[in-house]
PDB file of all heavy atoms in Angstrom:
ATOM      1  N   TRP A   1     -10.028  -0.233  12.047  1.00  0.00           N
ATOM      2  CA  TRP A   1      -8.765  -0.434  12.796  1.00  0.00           C
ATOM      3  C   TRP A   1      -7.859  -1.457  12.054  1.00  0.00           C
ATOM      4  O   TRP A   1      -6.645  -1.221  11.906  1.00  0.00           O
ATOM      5  CB  TRP A   1      -9.057  -0.925  14.174  1.00  0.00           C
ATOM      6  CG  TRP A   1      -7.859  -1.158  15.009  1.00  0.00           C
ATOM      7  CD1 TRP A   1      -7.084  -0.233  15.675  1.00  0.00           C
ATOM      8  CD2 TRP A   1      -7.227  -2.461  15.266  1.00  0.00           C
ATOM      9  NE1 TRP A   1      -6.014  -0.830  16.310  1.00  0.00           N
ATOM     10  CE2 TRP A   1      -6.096  -2.220  16.112  1.00  0.00           C
ATOM     11  CE3 TRP A   1      -7.577  -3.725  14.886  1.00  0.00           C
ATOM     12  CZ2 TRP A   1      -5.294  -3.243  16.538  1.00  0.00           C
ATOM     13  CZ3 TRP A   1      -6.742  -4.805  15.353  1.00  0.00           C
ATOM     14  CH2 TRP A   1      -5.664  -4.499  16.143  1.00  0.00           C
ATOM     15  N   LEU A   2      -8.444  -2.563  11.606  1.00  0.00           N
ATOM     16  CA  LEU A   2      -7.700  -3.572  10.934  1.00  0.00           C
ATOM     17  C   LEU A   2      -7.108  -3.004   9.595  1.00  0.00           C
ATOM     18  O   LEU A   2      -5.997  -3.353   9.186  1.00  0.00           O
ATOM     19  CB  LEU A   2      -8.534  -4.786  10.579  1.00  0.00           C
ATOM     20  CG  LEU A   2      -8.665  -5.810  11.756  1.00  0.00           C
ATOM     21  CD1 LEU A   2      -9.698  -6.821  11.449  1.00  0.00           C
ATOM     22  CD2 LEU A   2      -7.309  -6.480  12.013  1.00  0.00           C
ATOM     23  N   PHE A   3      -7.885  -2.203   8.898  1.00  0.00           N
ATOM     24  CA  PHE A   3      -7.355  -1.551   7.679  1.00  0.00           C
ATOM     25  C   PHE A   3      -6.065  -0.836   7.973  1.00  0.00           C
ATOM     26  O   PHE A   3      -5.037  -1.017   7.212  1.00  0.00           O
ATOM     27  CB  PHE A   3      -8.341  -0.603   7.027  1.00  0.00           C
ATOM     28  CG  PHE A   3      -7.847   0.121   5.840  1.00  0.00           C
ATOM     29  CD1 PHE A   3      -7.921  -0.448   4.594  1.00  0.00           C
ATOM     30  CD2 PHE A   3      -7.212   1.328   5.996  1.00  0.00           C
ATOM     31  CE1 PHE A   3      -7.451   0.193   3.513  1.00  0.00           C
ATOM     32  CE2 PHE A   3      -6.674   2.015   4.957  1.00  0.00           C
ATOM     33  CZ  PHE A   3      -6.818   1.458   3.677  1.00  0.00           C
ATOM     34  N   ASP A   4      -6.000  -0.075   9.040  1.00  0.00           N
ATOM     35  CA  ASP A   4      -4.843   0.729   9.378  1.00  0.00           C
ATOM     36  C   ASP A   4      -3.700  -0.236   9.765  1.00  0.00           C
ATOM     37  O   ASP A   4      -2.493   0.050   9.406  1.00  0.00           O
ATOM     38  CB  ASP A   4      -5.179   1.643  10.529  1.00  0.00           C
ATOM     39  CG  ASP A   4      -6.017   2.815  10.151  1.00  0.00           C
ATOM     40  OD1 ASP A   4      -6.034   3.148   8.924  1.00  0.00           O
ATOM     41  OD2 ASP A   4      -6.743   3.419  10.968  1.00  0.00           O
ATOM     42  N   VAL A   5      -3.997  -1.341  10.457  1.00  0.00           N
ATOM     43  CA  VAL A   5      -2.942  -2.251  10.821  1.00  0.00           C
ATOM     44  C   VAL A   5      -2.334  -2.945   9.617  1.00  0.00           C
ATOM     45  O   VAL A   5      -1.111  -3.020   9.472  1.00  0.00           O
ATOM     46  CB  VAL A   5      -3.519  -3.293  11.850  1.00  0.00           C
ATOM     47  CG1 VAL A   5      -2.492  -4.452  12.065  1.00  0.00           C
ATOM     48  CG2 VAL A   5      -3.905  -2.701  13.156  1.00  0.00           C
ATOM     49  N   GLU A   6      -3.201  -3.333   8.741  1.00  0.00           N
ATOM     50  CA  GLU A   6      -2.721  -3.998   7.519  1.00  0.00           C
ATOM     51  C   GLU A   6      -1.864  -3.095   6.682  1.00  0.00           C
ATOM     52  O   GLU A   6      -0.944  -3.451   5.920  1.00  0.00           O
ATOM     53  CB  GLU A   6      -3.915  -4.533   6.759  1.00  0.00           C
ATOM     54  CG  GLU A   6      -4.653  -5.672   7.410  1.00  0.00           C
ATOM     55  CD  GLU A   6      -5.899  -6.054   6.658  1.00  0.00           C
ATOM     56  OE1 GLU A   6      -6.143  -5.484   5.557  1.00  0.00           O
ATOM     57  OE2 GLU A   6      -6.665  -6.879   7.193  1.00  0.00           O
ATOM     58  N   ALA A   7      -2.178  -1.748   6.719  1.00  0.00           N
ATOM     59  CA  ALA A   7      -1.502  -0.803   5.895  1.00  0.00           C
ATOM     60  C   ALA A   7      -0.018  -0.640   6.324  1.00  0.00           C
ATOM     61  O   ALA A   7       0.875  -0.200   5.481  1.00  0.00           O
ATOM     62  CB  ALA A   7      -2.214   0.521   5.931  1.00  0.00           C
ATOM     63  N   VAL A   8       0.253  -0.909   7.600  1.00  0.00           N
ATOM     64  CA  VAL A   8       1.639  -0.662   8.092  1.00  0.00           C
ATOM     65  C   VAL A   8       2.409  -1.892   8.324  1.00  0.00           C
ATOM     66  O   VAL A   8       3.677  -1.903   8.370  1.00  0.00           O
ATOM     67  CB  VAL A   8       1.587   0.220   9.350  1.00  0.00           C
ATOM     68  CG1 VAL A   8       1.003   1.608   9.115  1.00  0.00           C
ATOM     69  CG2 VAL A   8       0.900  -0.477  10.479  1.00  0.00           C
ATOM     70  N   LEU A   9       1.789  -3.043   8.396  1.00  0.00           N
ATOM     71  CA  LEU A   9       2.531  -4.311   8.649  1.00  0.00           C
ATOM     72  C   LEU A   9       3.264  -4.740   7.345  1.00  0.00           C
ATOM     73  O   LEU A   9       2.645  -4.741   6.267  1.00  0.00           O
ATOM     74  CB  LEU A   9       1.619  -5.438   9.094  1.00  0.00           C
ATOM     75  CG  LEU A   9       1.031  -5.394  10.525  1.00  0.00           C
ATOM     76  CD1 LEU A   9       0.121  -6.546  10.748  1.00  0.00           C
ATOM     77  CD2 LEU A   9       2.196  -5.400  11.530  1.00  0.00           C
ATOM     78  N   PRO A  10       4.565  -5.072   7.466  1.00  0.00           N
ATOM     79  CA  PRO A  10       5.294  -5.563   6.272  1.00  0.00           C
ATOM     80  C   PRO A  10       4.815  -6.934   5.836  1.00  0.00           C
ATOM     81  O   PRO A  10       4.427  -7.755   6.642  1.00  0.00           O
ATOM     82  CB  PRO A  10       6.711  -5.577   6.701  1.00  0.00           C
ATOM     83  CG  PRO A  10       6.680  -5.778   8.180  1.00  0.00           C
ATOM     84  CD  PRO A  10       5.455  -5.090   8.656  1.00  0.00           C
ATOM     85  N   GLY A  11       4.855  -7.179   4.525  1.00  0.00           N
ATOM     86  CA  GLY A  11       4.609  -8.542   3.993  1.00  0.00           C
ATOM     87  C   GLY A  11       3.156  -8.978   3.960  1.00  0.00           C
ATOM     88  O   GLY A  11       2.893 -10.129   3.764  1.00  0.00           O
ATOM     89  N   VAL A  12       2.187  -8.052   4.232  1.00  0.00           N
ATOM     90  CA  VAL A  12       0.805  -8.448   4.195  1.00  0.00           C
ATOM     91  C   VAL A  12       0.417  -8.783   2.723  1.00  0.00           C
ATOM     92  O   VAL A  12       0.703  -8.082   1.808  1.00  0.00           O
ATOM     93  CB  VAL A  12      -0.100  -7.260   4.692  1.00  0.00           C
ATOM     94  CG1 VAL A  12      -1.570  -7.498   4.428  1.00  0.00           C
ATOM     95  CG2 VAL A  12       0.159  -6.986   6.133  1.00  0.00           C
ATOM     96  N   MET A  13      -0.224  -9.889   2.558  1.00  0.00           N
ATOM     97  CA  MET A  13      -0.635 -10.414   1.250  1.00  0.00           C
ATOM     98  C   MET A  13      -2.119 -10.192   1.036  1.00  0.00           C
ATOM     99  O   MET A  13      -2.877 -11.184   0.955  1.00  0.00           O
ATOM    100  CB  MET A  13      -0.291 -11.862   1.055  1.00  0.00           C
ATOM    101  CG  MET A  13       1.227 -12.165   1.132  1.00  0.00           C
ATOM    102  SD  MET A  13       2.191 -11.337  -0.191  1.00  0.00           S
ATOM    103  CE  MET A  13       1.677 -12.391  -1.519  1.00  0.00           C
ATOM    104  N   GLY A  14      -2.559  -8.947   1.058  1.00  0.00           N
ATOM    105  CA  GLY A  14      -3.970  -8.667   0.880  1.00  0.00           C
ATOM    106  C   GLY A  14      -4.393  -8.907  -0.529  1.00  0.00           C
ATOM    107  O   GLY A  14      -3.562  -8.909  -1.489  1.00  0.00           O
ATOM    108  N   PRO A  15      -5.694  -9.164  -0.787  1.00  0.00           N
ATOM    109  CA  PRO A  15      -6.193  -9.558  -2.131  1.00  0.00           C
ATOM    110  C   PRO A  15      -6.332  -8.364  -3.073  1.00  0.00           C
ATOM    111  O   PRO A  15      -6.626  -8.592  -4.240  1.00  0.00           O
ATOM    112  CB  PRO A  15      -7.581 -10.132  -1.817  1.00  0.00           C
ATOM    113  CG  PRO A  15      -7.950  -9.595  -0.484  1.00  0.00           C
ATOM    114  CD  PRO A  15      -6.749  -9.374   0.275  1.00  0.00           C
ATOM    115  N   VAL A  16      -6.054  -7.147  -2.632  1.00  0.00           N
ATOM    116  CA  VAL A  16      -6.097  -5.966  -3.482  1.00  0.00           C
ATOM    117  C   VAL A  16      -4.781  -5.206  -3.358  1.00  0.00           C
ATOM    118  O   VAL A  16      -4.325  -4.840  -2.314  1.00  0.00           O
ATOM    119  CB  VAL A  16      -7.307  -4.980  -3.149  1.00  0.00           C
ATOM    120  CG1 VAL A  16      -7.270  -3.809  -4.116  1.00  0.00           C
ATOM    121  CG2 VAL A  16      -8.590  -5.710  -3.224  1.00  0.00           C
ATOM    122  N   LEU A  17      -4.162  -4.968  -4.542  1.00  0.00           N
ATOM    123  CA  LEU A  17      -2.941  -4.228  -4.652  1.00  0.00           C
ATOM    124  C   LEU A  17      -3.270  -2.751  -4.754  1.00  0.00           C
ATOM    125  O   LEU A  17      -4.189  -2.364  -5.558  1.00  0.00           O
ATOM    126  CB  LEU A  17      -2.043  -4.662  -5.770  1.00  0.00           C
ATOM    127  CG  LEU A  17      -1.461  -6.058  -5.735  1.00  0.00           C
ATOM    128  CD1 LEU A  17      -0.849  -6.416  -7.029  1.00  0.00           C
ATOM    129  CD2 LEU A  17      -0.458  -6.177  -4.578  1.00  0.00           C
ATOM    130  N   VAL A  18      -2.440  -1.885  -4.121  1.00  0.00           N
ATOM    131  CA  VAL A  18      -2.607  -0.406  -4.238  1.00  0.00           C
ATOM    132  C   VAL A  18      -1.229   0.098  -4.719  1.00  0.00           C
ATOM    133  O   VAL A  18      -0.221  -0.113  -3.905  1.00  0.00           O
ATOM    134  CB  VAL A  18      -2.996   0.213  -2.904  1.00  0.00           C
ATOM    135  CG1 VAL A  18      -3.156   1.751  -3.047  1.00  0.00           C
ATOM    136  CG2 VAL A  18      -4.244  -0.362  -2.319  1.00  0.00           C
ATOM    137  N   ALA A  19      -1.127   0.746  -5.765  1.00  0.00           N
ATOM    138  CA  ALA A  19       0.118   1.298  -6.262  1.00  0.00           C
ATOM    139  C   ALA A  19       0.025   2.795  -6.554  1.00  0.00           C
ATOM    140  O   ALA A  19      -1.045   3.238  -6.975  1.00  0.00           O
ATOM    141  CB  ALA A  19       0.533   0.599  -7.544  1.00  0.00           C
ATOM    142  N   VAL A  20       1.076   3.510  -6.254  1.00  0.00           N
ATOM    143  CA  VAL A  20       1.200   4.927  -6.667  1.00  0.00           C
ATOM    144  C   VAL A  20       2.406   5.062  -7.505  1.00  0.00           C
ATOM    145  O   VAL A  20       3.550   4.742  -6.997  1.00  0.00           O
ATOM    146  CB  VAL A  20       1.265   5.856  -5.377  1.00  0.00           C
ATOM    147  CG1 VAL A  20       1.483   7.270  -5.823  1.00  0.00           C
ATOM    148  CG2 VAL A  20       0.046   5.726  -4.541  1.00  0.00           C
ATOM    149  N   PHE A  21       2.261   5.468  -8.663  1.00  0.00           N
ATOM    150  CA  PHE A  21       3.333   5.688  -9.681  1.00  0.00           C
ATOM    151  C   PHE A  21       3.444   7.159  -9.920  1.00  0.00           C
ATOM    152  O   PHE A  21       2.422   7.920  -9.963  1.00  0.00           O
ATOM    153  CB  PHE A  21       3.094   5.009 -10.995  1.00  0.00           C
ATOM    154  CG  PHE A  21       3.009   3.510 -10.916  1.00  0.00           C
ATOM    155  CD1 PHE A  21       2.223   2.801 -11.851  1.00  0.00           C
ATOM    156  CD2 PHE A  21       3.722   2.796  -9.952  1.00  0.00           C
ATOM    157  CE1 PHE A  21       2.118   1.438 -11.794  1.00  0.00           C
ATOM    158  CE2 PHE A  21       3.651   1.479  -9.905  1.00  0.00           C
ATOM    159  CZ  PHE A  21       2.859   0.712 -10.775  1.00  0.00           C
ATOM    160  N   GLY A  22       4.678   7.705 -10.069  1.00  0.00           N
ATOM    161  CA  GLY A  22       4.868   9.164 -10.371  1.00  0.00           C
ATOM    162  C   GLY A  22       5.497   9.319 -11.701  1.00  0.00           C
ATOM    163  O   GLY A  22       6.453   8.564 -12.083  1.00  0.00           O
ATOM    164  N   ARG A  23       5.180  10.285 -12.435  1.00  0.00           N
ATOM    165  CA  ARG A  23       5.897  10.730 -13.644  1.00  0.00           C
ATOM    166  C   ARG A  23       7.029  11.677 -13.120  1.00  0.00           C
ATOM    167  O   ARG A  23       6.767  12.658 -12.459  1.00  0.00           O
ATOM    168  CB  ARG A  23       5.021  11.545 -14.596  1.00  0.00           C
ATOM    169  CG  ARG A  23       5.827  12.053 -15.796  1.00  0.00           C
ATOM    170  CD  ARG A  23       4.941  12.563 -16.911  1.00  0.00           C
ATOM    171  NE  ARG A  23       5.856  13.167 -17.945  1.00  0.00           N
ATOM    172  CZ  ARG A  23       5.427  13.500 -19.152  1.00  0.00           C
ATOM    173  NH1 ARG A  23       4.161  13.311 -19.465  1.00  0.00           N
ATOM    174  NH2 ARG A  23       6.266  14.071 -20.007  1.00  0.00           N
ATOM    175  N   PRO A  24       8.343  11.317 -13.478  1.00  0.00           N
ATOM    176  CA  PRO A  24       9.462  12.120 -12.970  1.00  0.00           C
ATOM    177  C   PRO A  24       9.391  13.623 -13.473  1.00  0.00           C
ATOM    178  O   PRO A  24       8.808  13.942 -14.498  1.00  0.00           O
ATOM    179  CB  PRO A  24      10.635  11.461 -13.646  1.00  0.00           C
ATOM    180  CG  PRO A  24      10.205  10.065 -13.892  1.00  0.00           C
ATOM    181  CD  PRO A  24       8.733  10.200 -14.250  1.00  0.00           C
ATOM    182  N   GLY A  25       9.948  14.463 -12.630  1.00  0.00           N
ATOM    183  CA  GLY A  25       9.956  15.854 -13.024  1.00  0.00           C
ATOM    184  C   GLY A  25       9.228  16.684 -11.945  1.00  0.00           C
ATOM    185  O   GLY A  25       8.729  16.179 -10.939  1.00  0.00           O
ATOM    186  N   THR A  26       9.221  18.003 -12.128  1.00  0.00           N
ATOM    187  CA  THR A  26       8.557  18.861 -11.230  1.00  0.00           C
ATOM    188  C   THR A  26       7.537  19.721 -12.038  1.00  0.00           C
ATOM    189  O   THR A  26       7.736  19.883 -13.229  1.00  0.00           O
ATOM    190  CB  THR A  26       9.536  19.786 -10.516  1.00  0.00           C
ATOM    191  OG1 THR A  26      10.257  20.491 -11.422  1.00  0.00           O
ATOM    192  CG2 THR A  26      10.436  19.045  -9.601  1.00  0.00           C
TER     193      THR A  26
END
């Protein structure tokens, strides 16, 4: 439950960063 809460709260400074990068185009 806390994982889901932390995922939507703004400004959370969790110790692990999660990034999704995309290569432009289709």
